[in-house]
Protein backbone atom coordinates (compact mmCIF):
# COMPACT_ATOMS: atom_id res chain seq x y z
CA MET A 1 71.13 34.58 46.25
CA HIS A 2 67.39 34.18 45.77
CA PRO A 3 65.83 32.66 48.90
CA ASP A 4 64.03 30.01 46.89
CA ASP A 5 67.34 28.74 45.44
CA ARG A 6 69.49 28.69 48.63
CA ALA A 7 68.39 25.29 49.97
CA LEU A 8 68.70 23.61 46.57
CA LEU A 9 72.20 25.00 46.00
CA THR A 10 73.35 23.82 49.46
CA ARG A 11 72.22 20.27 48.66
CA ARG A 12 73.94 20.28 45.30
CA VAL A 13 77.24 21.38 46.86
CA ALA A 14 76.97 18.64 49.45
CA GLN A 15 76.33 16.09 46.73
CA SER A 16 79.45 17.12 44.80
CA THR A 17 81.66 16.48 47.83
CA LEU A 18 80.24 12.98 48.14
CA HIS A 19 81.36 12.02 44.60
CA LEU A 20 77.80 12.12 43.33
CA ASN A 21 77.20 13.14 39.73
CA GLU A 22 76.16 16.72 39.75
CA PRO A 23 74.89 18.18 36.45
CA GLY A 24 75.27 21.76 37.57
CA ARG A 25 73.56 24.18 39.76
CA GLU A 26 71.23 26.95 38.58
CA TYR A 27 70.35 29.82 40.87
CA ARG A 28 69.53 33.48 40.95
CA ILE A 29 71.83 36.24 42.16
CA GLY A 30 70.51 39.59 43.16
CA LEU A 31 72.05 42.74 41.65
CA PRO A 32 72.29 46.14 43.34
CA ASP A 33 69.63 47.54 41.04
CA GLY A 34 67.17 44.90 42.30
CA ARG A 35 67.27 42.66 39.25
CA TRP A 36 67.83 38.91 39.46
CA VAL A 37 70.19 37.17 37.12
CA TRP A 38 70.54 33.44 36.53
CA HIS A 39 73.85 31.61 36.91
CA ARG A 40 74.89 28.04 36.34
CA THR A 41 77.78 26.72 38.44
CA MET A 42 79.73 23.57 37.62
CA SER A 43 82.24 22.26 40.26
CA ARG A 44 84.17 19.16 41.25
CA VAL A 45 86.64 18.07 43.93
CA ALA A 46 90.11 18.99 42.70
CA ALA A 47 92.11 17.50 45.64
CA ARG A 48 91.48 15.49 48.76
CA ASN A 49 93.42 15.11 51.99
CA ALA A 50 94.71 11.89 53.50
CA ALA A 51 91.37 11.21 55.03
CA GLY A 52 89.75 11.35 51.59
CA GLN A 53 87.89 14.52 52.32
CA PRO A 54 87.69 17.31 49.73
CA ALA A 55 90.62 19.67 50.12
CA VAL A 56 90.36 21.71 46.92
CA MET A 57 87.22 22.45 44.83
CA ALA A 58 87.45 23.65 41.22
CA GLY A 59 84.63 25.05 39.15
CA GLY A 60 83.16 27.92 37.21
CA THR A 61 79.95 29.87 36.81
CA VAL A 62 78.15 31.18 33.71
CA ASN A 63 75.47 33.87 33.39
CA ILE A 64 72.46 32.09 31.81
CA THR A 65 69.87 34.78 32.36
CA GLU A 66 68.82 35.12 28.73
CA GLN A 67 68.79 31.35 28.15
CA LYS A 68 66.80 30.80 31.33
CA HIS A 69 64.28 33.43 30.43
CA ALA A 70 63.84 31.75 27.02
CA GLU A 71 63.39 28.36 28.63
CA LEU A 72 60.89 29.68 31.12
CA ALA A 73 58.95 31.43 28.37
CA LEU A 74 58.92 28.24 26.29
CA ARG A 75 57.79 26.20 29.25
CA ALA A 76 55.05 28.67 30.07
CA SER A 77 53.96 28.63 26.43
CA GLU A 78 53.89 24.84 26.36
CA GLU A 79 51.91 24.69 29.58
CA HIS A 80 49.47 27.25 28.19
CA ALA A 81 49.16 25.33 24.95
CA ASN A 82 48.57 22.11 26.84
CA ARG A 83 45.90 23.77 28.93
CA LEU A 84 44.23 25.13 25.80
CA ALA A 85 44.44 21.73 24.07
CA THR A 86 42.94 20.03 27.09
CA MET A 87 40.19 22.63 27.27
CA LEU A 88 39.52 22.30 23.51
CA ARG A 89 39.31 18.54 23.85
CA LEU A 90 36.98 18.77 26.85
CA VAL A 91 34.75 21.34 25.17
CA SER A 92 34.61 19.54 21.80
CA ASP A 93 33.99 16.16 23.39
CA ASN A 94 31.11 17.49 25.45
CA VAL A 95 29.10 19.01 22.63
CA PRO A 96 26.73 16.82 20.58
CA ASP A 97 27.88 18.28 17.25
CA MET A 98 30.69 16.71 15.26
CA ILE A 99 33.86 18.83 14.99
CA TRP A 100 36.93 18.02 12.93
CA ALA A 101 39.90 19.34 10.98
CA LYS A 102 41.55 17.72 7.95
CA ASP A 103 44.73 18.39 5.99
CA LEU A 104 44.84 18.96 2.25
CA ASN A 105 44.88 15.21 1.68
CA LYS A 106 41.58 14.87 3.54
CA ARG A 107 43.28 13.13 6.46
CA TYR A 108 42.09 13.99 9.93
CA LEU A 109 44.16 16.38 12.01
CA PHE A 110 41.57 16.53 14.75
CA ALA A 111 38.25 14.90 15.55
CA ASN A 112 36.04 15.14 18.58
CA LYS A 113 34.27 12.31 20.32
CA ALA A 114 31.04 12.84 18.36
CA VAL A 115 32.86 12.31 15.05
CA CYS A 116 34.27 9.03 16.34
CA GLU A 117 30.96 7.74 17.67
CA GLN A 118 28.42 9.11 15.19
CA LEU A 119 30.32 9.25 11.92
CA LEU A 120 33.42 7.08 11.76
CA GLY A 121 32.94 4.31 14.28
CA ALA A 122 36.43 4.97 15.66
CA THR A 123 37.48 3.74 19.09
CA SER A 124 39.06 7.05 20.11
CA PRO A 125 40.02 10.45 18.67
CA ASP A 126 43.64 9.30 18.52
CA GLU A 127 42.71 6.48 16.12
CA VAL A 128 41.30 9.03 13.67
CA ILE A 129 44.46 11.13 13.29
CA GLY A 130 46.17 10.58 9.95
CA ARG A 131 43.31 8.57 8.42
CA ASP A 132 40.56 9.65 6.01
CA ASP A 133 36.82 8.98 5.62
CA LEU A 134 37.36 6.27 3.03
CA PHE A 135 39.39 4.21 5.49
CA PHE A 136 36.60 4.14 8.04
CA GLY A 137 33.87 3.68 5.40
CA GLN A 138 35.66 0.69 3.90
CA ARG A 139 36.25 -0.80 7.34
CA ALA A 140 32.56 -0.45 8.19
CA ARG A 141 31.44 -2.06 4.92
CA ILE A 142 33.87 -4.95 5.34
CA SER A 143 32.32 -5.67 8.73
CA HIS A 144 28.90 -5.99 7.02
CA PRO A 145 29.58 -7.51 3.60
CA GLY A 146 25.94 -8.39 3.03
CA ASN A 147 24.77 -4.79 3.29
CA PRO A 148 26.28 -2.39 0.71
CA LEU A 149 24.32 0.46 2.31
CA TRP A 150 25.83 -0.01 5.75
CA HIS A 151 28.12 3.03 5.33
CA THR A 152 27.98 5.43 2.36
CA LEU A 153 28.33 8.90 3.82
CA GLY A 154 32.08 9.32 3.26
CA ASP A 155 31.79 9.90 -0.49
CA SER A 156 29.67 13.04 -0.18
CA SER A 157 31.96 14.31 2.60
CA LEU A 158 34.99 14.19 0.30
CA GLU A 159 33.08 16.02 -2.43
CA SER A 160 32.09 18.83 -0.07
CA ASP A 161 35.71 19.08 1.15
CA GLU A 162 36.82 19.70 -2.42
CA GLU A 163 34.06 22.26 -2.95
CA THR A 164 35.07 24.15 0.20
CA LEU A 165 38.73 24.29 -0.82
CA LEU A 166 37.76 25.35 -4.34
CA GLN A 167 35.52 28.20 -3.17
CA GLY A 168 37.85 29.28 -0.37
CA ILE A 169 34.99 30.45 1.86
CA THR A 170 32.70 28.99 4.47
CA GLN A 171 30.18 26.59 2.92
CA ARG A 172 27.03 24.88 4.15
CA PHE A 173 26.00 21.45 2.89
CA GLU A 174 23.27 18.93 3.47
CA GLU A 175 24.98 15.57 3.34
CA ALA A 176 22.87 12.43 3.30
CA GLY A 177 23.73 8.76 3.26
CA TYR A 178 23.78 5.60 5.32
CA LEU A 179 25.52 5.13 8.66
CA LYS A 180 25.27 1.77 10.39
CA GLY A 181 22.59 0.82 7.88
CA GLN A 182 20.38 3.79 8.75
CA PHE A 183 19.67 6.72 6.46
CA VAL A 184 20.86 9.97 8.04
CA VAL A 185 20.94 13.63 7.05
CA LEU A 186 23.71 15.94 8.31
CA ASP A 187 23.70 19.73 8.43
CA VAL A 188 27.37 20.43 7.63
CA HIS A 189 29.39 23.65 7.83
CA LYS A 190 32.93 23.71 6.39
CA ALA A 191 35.61 26.35 5.97
CA PRO A 192 39.24 26.46 4.80
CA LEU A 193 41.73 25.80 7.63
CA LEU A 194 44.44 28.49 7.60
CA ASP A 195 47.83 28.49 9.32
CA ASP A 196 49.46 31.46 11.06
CA GLN A 197 50.59 32.85 7.72
CA GLY A 198 47.13 32.66 6.19
CA HIS A 199 47.98 29.67 3.99
CA VAL A 200 45.35 27.00 3.48
CA MET A 201 46.38 23.84 5.26
CA GLY A 202 43.13 21.90 5.14
CA VAL A 203 39.44 21.99 5.99
CA VAL A 204 37.70 22.53 9.32
CA GLY A 205 34.09 21.54 9.77
CA THR A 206 31.14 20.84 12.01
CA ALA A 207 28.12 18.64 11.45
CA ARG A 208 24.84 17.95 13.21
CA ASP A 209 22.55 14.98 12.72
CA VAL A 210 19.25 16.54 11.58
CA THR A 211 17.58 13.35 10.34
CA ALA A 212 14.67 13.61 12.76
CA GLN A 213 14.24 17.35 12.25
CA LYS A 214 14.45 16.93 8.48
CA ALA A 215 11.79 14.22 8.54
CA ALA A 216 9.57 16.35 10.75
CA GLN A 217 10.04 19.40 8.53
CA ASP A 218 9.31 17.35 5.43
CA LYS A 219 6.15 15.99 7.03
CA LEU A 220 4.99 19.44 8.09
CA ARG A 221 5.80 20.91 4.68
CA LEU A 222 4.03 18.06 2.94
CA ALA A 223 1.05 18.30 5.27
CA ALA A 224 0.77 22.04 4.64
CA LEU A 225 0.99 21.54 0.89
CA VAL A 226 -1.54 18.74 0.98
CA LEU A 227 -4.01 20.74 3.05
CA GLU A 228 -3.60 23.89 0.96
CA ASN A 229 -3.89 22.06 -2.34
CA SER A 230 -6.12 19.17 -1.39
CA SER A 231 -9.53 18.80 -2.96
CA GLU A 232 -10.68 17.47 0.41
CA ALA A 233 -12.06 20.03 2.81
CA MET A 234 -10.49 20.22 6.26
CA LEU A 235 -11.55 21.75 9.53
CA ALA A 236 -9.92 21.54 12.93
CA THR A 237 -11.66 22.08 16.26
CA ASP A 238 -10.36 22.61 19.77
CA ASN A 239 -11.33 20.55 22.81
CA SER A 240 -14.55 22.59 23.07
CA ASN A 241 -15.51 21.62 19.50
CA CYS A 242 -15.04 25.15 18.19
CA ILE A 243 -13.55 25.54 14.72
CA VAL A 244 -9.97 26.89 14.85
CA ASP A 245 -8.81 26.34 11.27
CA ILE A 246 -9.98 25.43 7.77
CA ASN A 247 -8.32 24.97 4.39
CA PRO A 248 -9.24 26.58 1.02
CA ALA A 249 -11.14 23.47 -0.09
CA PHE A 250 -13.50 23.94 2.86
CA THR A 251 -14.57 27.30 1.47
CA THR A 252 -14.86 25.89 -2.05
CA LEU A 253 -17.05 23.01 -0.88
CA THR A 254 -19.27 24.70 1.71
CA GLY A 255 -19.21 28.36 0.64
CA TYR A 256 -18.20 29.44 4.16
CA THR A 257 -15.07 31.59 4.54
CA ARG A 258 -12.59 31.45 7.39
CA LEU A 259 -14.21 34.46 9.08
CA ASP A 260 -17.62 32.79 8.81
CA VAL A 261 -16.65 29.67 10.75
CA LEU A 262 -13.83 30.47 13.21
CA GLY A 263 -15.12 29.87 16.72
CA GLN A 264 -18.29 28.20 15.45
CA ASP A 265 -19.50 24.66 16.13
CA PRO A 266 -19.37 22.36 13.07
CA SER A 267 -23.05 21.62 13.67
CA MET A 268 -23.67 24.80 11.66
CA LEU A 269 -23.31 22.54 8.60
CA ASN A 270 -26.03 20.08 9.66
CA SER A 271 -28.68 19.43 7.04
CA GLY A 272 -31.22 17.90 9.42
CA ARG A 273 -31.26 14.62 7.52
CA GLN A 274 -29.38 12.69 10.23
CA SER A 275 -31.16 11.68 13.40
CA ALA A 276 -30.04 12.43 16.93
CA ASP A 277 -29.11 8.74 17.31
CA PHE A 278 -26.77 9.08 14.32
CA TYR A 279 -24.78 11.85 15.99
CA LYS A 280 -24.93 10.08 19.33
CA GLY A 281 -23.20 7.09 17.74
CA MET A 282 -20.63 9.34 16.07
CA TRP A 283 -19.67 11.03 19.35
CA SER A 284 -19.57 7.68 21.12
CA ASP A 285 -16.93 6.48 18.66
CA LEU A 286 -14.97 9.75 18.89
CA ASN A 287 -14.90 9.64 22.68
CA THR A 288 -14.01 5.94 22.94
CA LYS A 289 -11.97 5.23 19.80
CA GLY A 290 -10.73 8.70 18.87
CA HIS A 291 -11.91 8.50 15.28
CA TRP A 292 -15.03 8.15 13.12
CA GLN A 293 -15.66 7.68 9.42
CA GLY A 294 -18.84 7.60 7.42
CA GLU A 295 -21.23 9.24 5.02
CA LEU A 296 -23.72 11.95 5.88
CA TRP A 297 -25.65 14.83 4.40
CA ASN A 298 -24.65 18.42 5.16
CA LYS A 299 -25.73 21.86 3.99
CA ARG A 300 -23.78 24.53 2.13
CA LYS A 301 -23.96 28.23 2.90
CA SER A 302 -26.35 28.52 -0.04
CA GLY A 303 -28.71 26.04 1.60
CA GLU A 304 -27.96 23.29 -0.92
CA ILE A 305 -27.87 19.79 0.58
CA TYR A 306 -24.96 17.59 -0.43
CA ALA A 307 -23.56 14.17 0.46
CA GLU A 308 -20.11 14.02 1.99
CA TRP A 309 -17.67 11.34 3.06
CA LEU A 310 -16.30 12.41 6.44
CA THR A 311 -13.28 11.23 8.44
CA ILE A 312 -12.63 12.61 11.93
CA ASN A 313 -9.47 11.94 13.95
CA THR A 314 -8.57 13.11 17.45
CA ILE A 315 -5.17 14.54 18.42
CA TYR A 316 -4.33 14.07 22.09
CA LEU A 317 -2.00 15.88 24.47
CA GLU A 318 0.58 13.96 26.51
CA ASP A 319 -1.83 13.76 29.45
CA GLY A 320 -4.43 12.06 27.25
CA SER A 321 -6.77 15.04 26.99
CA VAL A 322 -8.19 16.18 23.66
CA HIS A 323 -6.10 18.82 21.88
CA ARG A 324 -7.65 18.93 18.42
CA ARG A 325 -10.14 17.07 16.28
CA VAL A 326 -9.41 17.16 12.56
CA ALA A 327 -12.17 16.48 10.04
CA LEU A 328 -11.50 15.71 6.37
CA PHE A 329 -14.45 15.48 4.03
CA SER A 330 -15.31 15.54 0.35
CA ASP A 331 -18.44 16.04 -1.70
CA VAL A 332 -19.55 12.60 -2.89
CA THR A 333 -22.89 13.63 -4.37
CA GLN A 334 -21.76 13.20 -7.96
CA LYS A 335 -19.83 10.10 -6.99
CA LYS A 336 -22.94 8.56 -5.49
CA GLN A 337 -24.87 9.42 -8.64
CA ALA A 338 -22.09 8.00 -10.81
CA GLU A 339 -21.88 4.86 -8.69
CA GLU A 340 -25.61 4.39 -8.96
CA LEU A 341 -25.38 4.87 -12.73
CA ILE A 342 -22.50 2.40 -13.00
CA TRP A 343 -24.37 -0.05 -10.82
CA ARG A 344 -27.47 0.25 -13.00
CA GLN A 345 -25.42 -0.10 -16.16
CA ALA A 346 -23.77 -3.21 -14.74
CA ASN A 347 -27.00 -4.78 -13.49
CA PHE A 348 -29.85 -3.48 -15.66
CA ASP A 349 -30.60 -3.61 -19.34
CA ALA A 350 -30.08 -0.18 -20.89
CA LEU A 351 -32.95 -0.60 -23.37
CA THR A 352 -35.78 -2.03 -21.25
CA GLY A 353 -34.68 -1.08 -17.74
CA LEU A 354 -35.09 -4.70 -16.63
CA PRO A 355 -32.45 -6.58 -14.67
CA ASN A 356 -29.78 -7.96 -17.02
CA ARG A 357 -28.17 -11.39 -17.00
CA ARG A 358 -25.78 -10.41 -14.20
CA MET A 359 -28.58 -9.22 -11.92
CA PHE A 360 -30.81 -12.12 -12.92
CA LEU A 361 -28.17 -14.69 -11.91
CA ASP A 362 -27.61 -12.91 -8.60
CA ARG A 363 -31.34 -12.78 -7.80
CA LEU A 364 -31.89 -16.39 -8.86
CA GLY A 365 -29.09 -17.45 -6.52
CA GLN A 366 -30.60 -15.45 -3.65
CA GLU A 367 -34.11 -16.79 -4.29
CA LEU A 368 -32.78 -20.37 -4.28
CA LEU A 369 -31.21 -19.78 -0.87
CA LYS A 370 -34.49 -18.35 0.43
CA ALA A 371 -36.41 -21.32 -0.99
CA GLN A 372 -34.02 -23.75 0.67
CA ARG A 373 -34.54 -22.09 4.05
CA SER A 374 -38.31 -21.70 3.72
CA GLY A 375 -39.13 -24.94 1.89
CA HIS A 376 -41.14 -23.08 -0.76
CA ARG A 377 -41.12 -23.98 -4.44
CA LEU A 378 -39.81 -21.72 -7.18
CA ALA A 379 -40.53 -21.56 -10.93
CA LEU A 380 -38.20 -20.24 -13.64
CA PHE A 381 -39.51 -19.07 -17.07
CA PHE A 382 -37.34 -18.71 -20.17
CA LEU A 383 -39.09 -16.59 -22.84
CA ASP A 384 -38.05 -16.17 -26.48
CA LEU A 385 -40.05 -13.95 -28.84
CA ASP A 386 -41.07 -15.91 -31.96
CA HIS A 387 -39.69 -14.59 -35.25
CA PHE A 388 -38.43 -11.34 -33.71
CA LYS A 389 -35.67 -11.25 -36.32
CA GLU A 390 -38.29 -10.62 -38.99
CA VAL A 391 -39.41 -7.51 -37.10
CA ASN A 392 -35.88 -6.06 -37.19
CA ASP A 393 -35.36 -7.02 -40.84
CA THR A 394 -38.72 -5.67 -42.02
CA LEU A 395 -39.47 -2.67 -39.81
CA GLY A 396 -35.92 -1.81 -38.74
CA HIS A 397 -33.90 -2.12 -35.55
CA GLU A 398 -35.35 1.06 -34.04
CA THR A 399 -38.86 -0.41 -34.27
CA GLY A 400 -37.51 -3.68 -32.93
CA ASP A 401 -36.11 -1.86 -29.90
CA LEU A 402 -39.47 -0.18 -29.28
CA LEU A 403 -41.17 -3.57 -29.43
CA LEU A 404 -38.71 -5.02 -26.89
CA VAL A 405 -39.39 -2.14 -24.50
CA GLU A 406 -43.16 -2.62 -24.69
CA ALA A 407 -42.83 -6.41 -24.48
CA ALA A 408 -40.80 -5.98 -21.27
CA GLN A 409 -43.53 -3.79 -19.82
CA ARG A 410 -46.22 -6.32 -20.74
CA ILE A 411 -44.29 -9.20 -19.13
CA ALA A 412 -43.69 -7.18 -15.93
CA ALA A 413 -47.40 -6.30 -15.78
CA SER A 414 -48.27 -10.02 -15.89
CA VAL A 415 -46.43 -10.97 -12.68
CA ARG A 416 -46.25 -9.78 -9.09
CA VAL A 417 -43.98 -6.95 -8.00
CA SER A 418 -42.04 -9.45 -5.86
CA ASP A 419 -41.27 -11.60 -8.91
CA THR A 420 -38.26 -10.88 -11.11
CA VAL A 421 -38.45 -10.16 -14.85
CA ALA A 422 -35.09 -9.89 -16.64
CA ARG A 423 -33.79 -9.51 -20.16
CA LEU A 424 -30.93 -11.87 -20.88
CA ALA A 425 -30.05 -10.79 -24.43
CA GLY A 426 -31.76 -9.90 -27.70
CA ASP A 427 -35.37 -11.12 -27.53
CA GLU A 428 -34.78 -13.47 -24.58
CA PHE A 429 -36.43 -12.78 -21.22
CA THR A 430 -36.70 -14.65 -17.92
CA VAL A 431 -39.17 -14.64 -15.05
CA ILE A 432 -38.52 -15.89 -11.50
CA LEU A 433 -41.72 -16.80 -9.62
CA THR A 434 -41.14 -17.22 -5.90
CA GLU A 435 -43.08 -18.75 -2.97
CA LEU A 436 -45.34 -20.96 -5.10
CA ASP A 437 -48.08 -22.04 -2.73
CA ASP A 438 -50.63 -22.46 -5.55
CA PRO A 439 -49.18 -24.52 -8.43
CA THR A 440 -51.99 -23.54 -10.79
CA ARG A 441 -50.73 -19.93 -10.72
CA VAL A 442 -47.74 -20.87 -12.90
CA GLU A 443 -49.91 -21.94 -15.81
CA THR A 444 -52.16 -18.90 -15.36
CA ILE A 445 -49.17 -16.53 -15.47
CA ALA A 446 -47.75 -18.30 -18.51
CA ARG A 447 -51.06 -17.93 -20.37
CA ASN A 448 -51.34 -14.26 -19.31
CA ILE A 449 -47.84 -13.53 -20.66
CA ILE A 450 -48.58 -15.28 -23.97
CA GLY A 451 -51.81 -13.35 -24.28
CA ALA A 452 -50.22 -10.03 -23.40
CA LEU A 453 -47.35 -10.42 -25.85
CA SER A 454 -49.56 -11.59 -28.73
CA ARG A 455 -51.59 -8.37 -28.74
CA SER A 456 -50.81 -6.04 -31.60
CA TYR A 457 -48.04 -3.44 -31.33
CA ASN A 458 -48.32 -0.09 -33.08
CA PHE A 459 -45.30 2.07 -33.91
CA ASP A 460 -45.76 5.10 -36.15
CA ARG A 461 -49.03 3.61 -37.43
CA ARG A 462 -47.25 0.45 -38.44
CA PRO A 463 -48.80 -2.44 -36.53
CA ALA A 464 -46.87 -5.56 -35.62
CA ARG A 465 -47.75 -8.77 -33.82
CA VAL A 466 -45.40 -11.37 -32.35
CA THR A 467 -45.76 -14.39 -30.12
CA VAL A 468 -43.59 -16.00 -27.45
CA SER A 469 -42.32 -19.48 -26.58
CA ILE A 470 -41.91 -20.15 -22.86
CA GLY A 471 -39.94 -22.87 -21.10
CA ILE A 472 -40.80 -23.55 -17.46
CA THR A 473 -38.83 -25.45 -14.81
CA PHE A 474 -39.23 -25.89 -11.04
CA TYR A 475 -37.15 -25.89 -7.90
CA PRO A 476 -36.62 -28.34 -6.31
CA GLU A 477 -38.10 -30.95 -8.66
CA ASP A 478 -35.98 -30.18 -11.74
CA GLY A 479 -32.82 -28.91 -10.09
CA MET A 480 -31.20 -27.43 -7.00
CA THR A 481 -28.68 -25.07 -8.60
CA VAL A 482 -28.73 -22.02 -10.85
CA ASP A 483 -26.98 -23.77 -13.72
CA THR A 484 -29.26 -26.79 -13.59
CA LEU A 485 -32.47 -24.77 -13.54
CA MET A 486 -31.28 -22.53 -16.37
CA ALA A 487 -30.43 -25.54 -18.52
CA CYS A 488 -33.82 -27.12 -17.82
CA ALA A 489 -35.76 -23.92 -18.60
CA ASP A 490 -33.77 -23.42 -21.78
CA GLN A 491 -34.52 -26.98 -22.90
CA ALA A 492 -38.20 -26.56 -22.13
CA MET A 493 -38.27 -23.33 -24.13
CA TYR A 494 -36.85 -25.09 -27.17
CA GLU A 495 -39.47 -27.83 -26.72
CA ALA A 496 -42.11 -25.11 -27.04
CA LYS A 497 -40.38 -23.78 -30.14
CA HIS A 498 -40.29 -27.22 -31.74
CA ALA A 499 -43.93 -27.85 -30.83
CA GLY A 500 -45.04 -24.90 -32.97
CA ARG A 501 -44.18 -21.74 -30.93
CA ASN A 502 -46.69 -19.42 -29.21
CA ARG A 503 -46.96 -21.79 -26.27
CA PHE A 504 -45.35 -22.77 -22.98
CA SER A 505 -43.66 -26.05 -22.17
CA PHE A 506 -42.68 -27.60 -18.84
CA TYR A 507 -39.32 -29.26 -18.53
CA THR A 508 -39.92 -33.04 -18.58
CA PRO A 509 -36.94 -35.36 -18.93
CA GLY A 510 -37.93 -38.59 -20.70
CA ASP A 511 -41.58 -39.74 -20.79
CA PRO A 512 -44.02 -36.98 -19.70
CA ALA A 513 -46.23 -39.60 -18.06
CA ALA A 514 -43.37 -40.56 -15.78
CA HIS A 515 -43.07 -37.00 -14.38
CA PRO A 516 -46.51 -35.71 -13.36
CA ARG A 517 -46.47 -32.20 -11.79
CA ALA A 518 -48.67 -30.96 -9.00
CA GLY A 519 -51.21 -33.76 -9.17
CA GLY A 520 -51.34 -33.86 -12.96
CA LEU A 521 -52.26 -30.18 -13.42
CA PHE A 522 -49.32 -29.34 -15.72
CA PHE A 523 -48.73 -30.48 -19.29
CA LYS A 524 -45.60 -30.85 -21.31
CA SER A 525 -46.58 -28.35 -23.99
CA THR A 526 -49.59 -26.06 -24.12
CA ALA A 527 -50.45 -23.80 -27.02
CA ALA A 528 -52.36 -20.54 -26.86
CA SER A 529 -55.75 -21.11 -28.36
CA GLY A 530 -56.53 -19.77 -31.84
CA ILE A 531 -52.91 -18.92 -32.77
CA GLU A 532 -51.18 -21.31 -35.12
CA SER A 533 -48.72 -19.52 -37.40
CA LEU A 534 -46.95 -16.21 -38.13
CA SER A 535 -46.61 -14.27 -41.36
CA VAL A 536 -44.67 -11.02 -41.94
CA SER A 537 -45.28 -8.28 -44.53
CA ALA A 538 -43.46 -5.05 -45.24
CA ASP A 539 -46.23 -2.91 -43.72
CA ALA A 540 -47.26 -4.95 -40.73
CA LEU A 541 -46.77 -8.18 -38.87
CA THR A 542 -50.05 -10.09 -38.54
CA ILE A 543 -51.09 -13.45 -37.25
CA PRO A 544 -54.17 -14.92 -38.99
CA ASP A 545 -57.12 -16.03 -36.93
């Protein structure tokens, strides 16, 4: 008998004599050839003596070697399988990737901890077994009825399962959707799950959350595309302010190639137009704020000076030190020219070059504010050329335009450079006289303008003469606002028209005697001497003496 079985067999025999239930005894018997065979012995008390002690034992033994070997092999296999299953569970639950297996009905056969936590919201791997993605997706959406995008990833997973089974080979997918209300991207690998006979029994797969990597890759890809295809020039410098990279637009804009500038200081582009204080302020902002933006003039490789709009940003290392400075800039020379043209078109009369109504209103508003602060007076003239329509009708609009241009020049020559002459529309002009310390100057200027405009005009040997009616109003006597002064000047101009034209008229509401101006020096309406009427002929415009 095998030494390991002797003690157990002795106890079993003792138990049978004490009327205890004894299922049988298994033990090993040694053979002469050194082999061990298994036996099972069943016995019971067949007779007892008067004292109740066993007198006769009856039983039998059976050779169970083959059965025992099969049982031991099965037990060893089960123990091995259990160890492998435990190891598989430990390994799969300790990796960050999701690992699973599904049957042909898309129900889970296996799922690791990451699947439960990251994908399904399951409490444990055991809860997953026998259920599919739709079950967990629906459960998640029910828990957040107000957010239809709380969980949407299961639909694409089922589609990729079908594709994998259809193709019959390992597949890679990028599955995207919403989990817990957040958009995620998964890098998924799937393959058919085969049994021992090679028959497809489902799908096995792994997945990794690559949302952050995908976003970073997209940003880098986009940044590279933007820099390579951007019309804005880019240069990057290291912490010593040496150029380490440029984009194609840099070469297009400056003429310098990559080999020309690598390792160089960006100051090689300086045009010399900016002062040392300008660059001192720029570097102060870069060192304190990490960025700077502004306009400056630089120089191309050809020596041409150009205007650029420049933005510089600093990239820092984790320790706060400078890693890179990135400069983006564009040529704004044409833009500046276009802006100036647009500004002039919006604020100046295209024909005469004088400020237009828009600019006139702006300047009048500014001059009123200055007058309020300084206490100075201000005069506003409204001028309307008399019978200008006859010039256009008789000599043509081109001649009329030439007359307006020369009339504008004559008006501007009659006032100071600091005063404003504007063309409102057609043959209407205005003059703003500022800082009126000498009130007699207003009348003098009005007479000078009338005299200047009444002189003959000659265009292609075709003389013409016109006159002007002027309305004059004053700040602060006649009004304090732009609208009030304009209305007063306009009314005064029509008073001059009605009084016979070729004259100037001061705005006087009611009786002129009730509104004396500057000690009685101004009159309501004053005509230019010797000019009384206007006649027009086909060859020339003349005013009789």
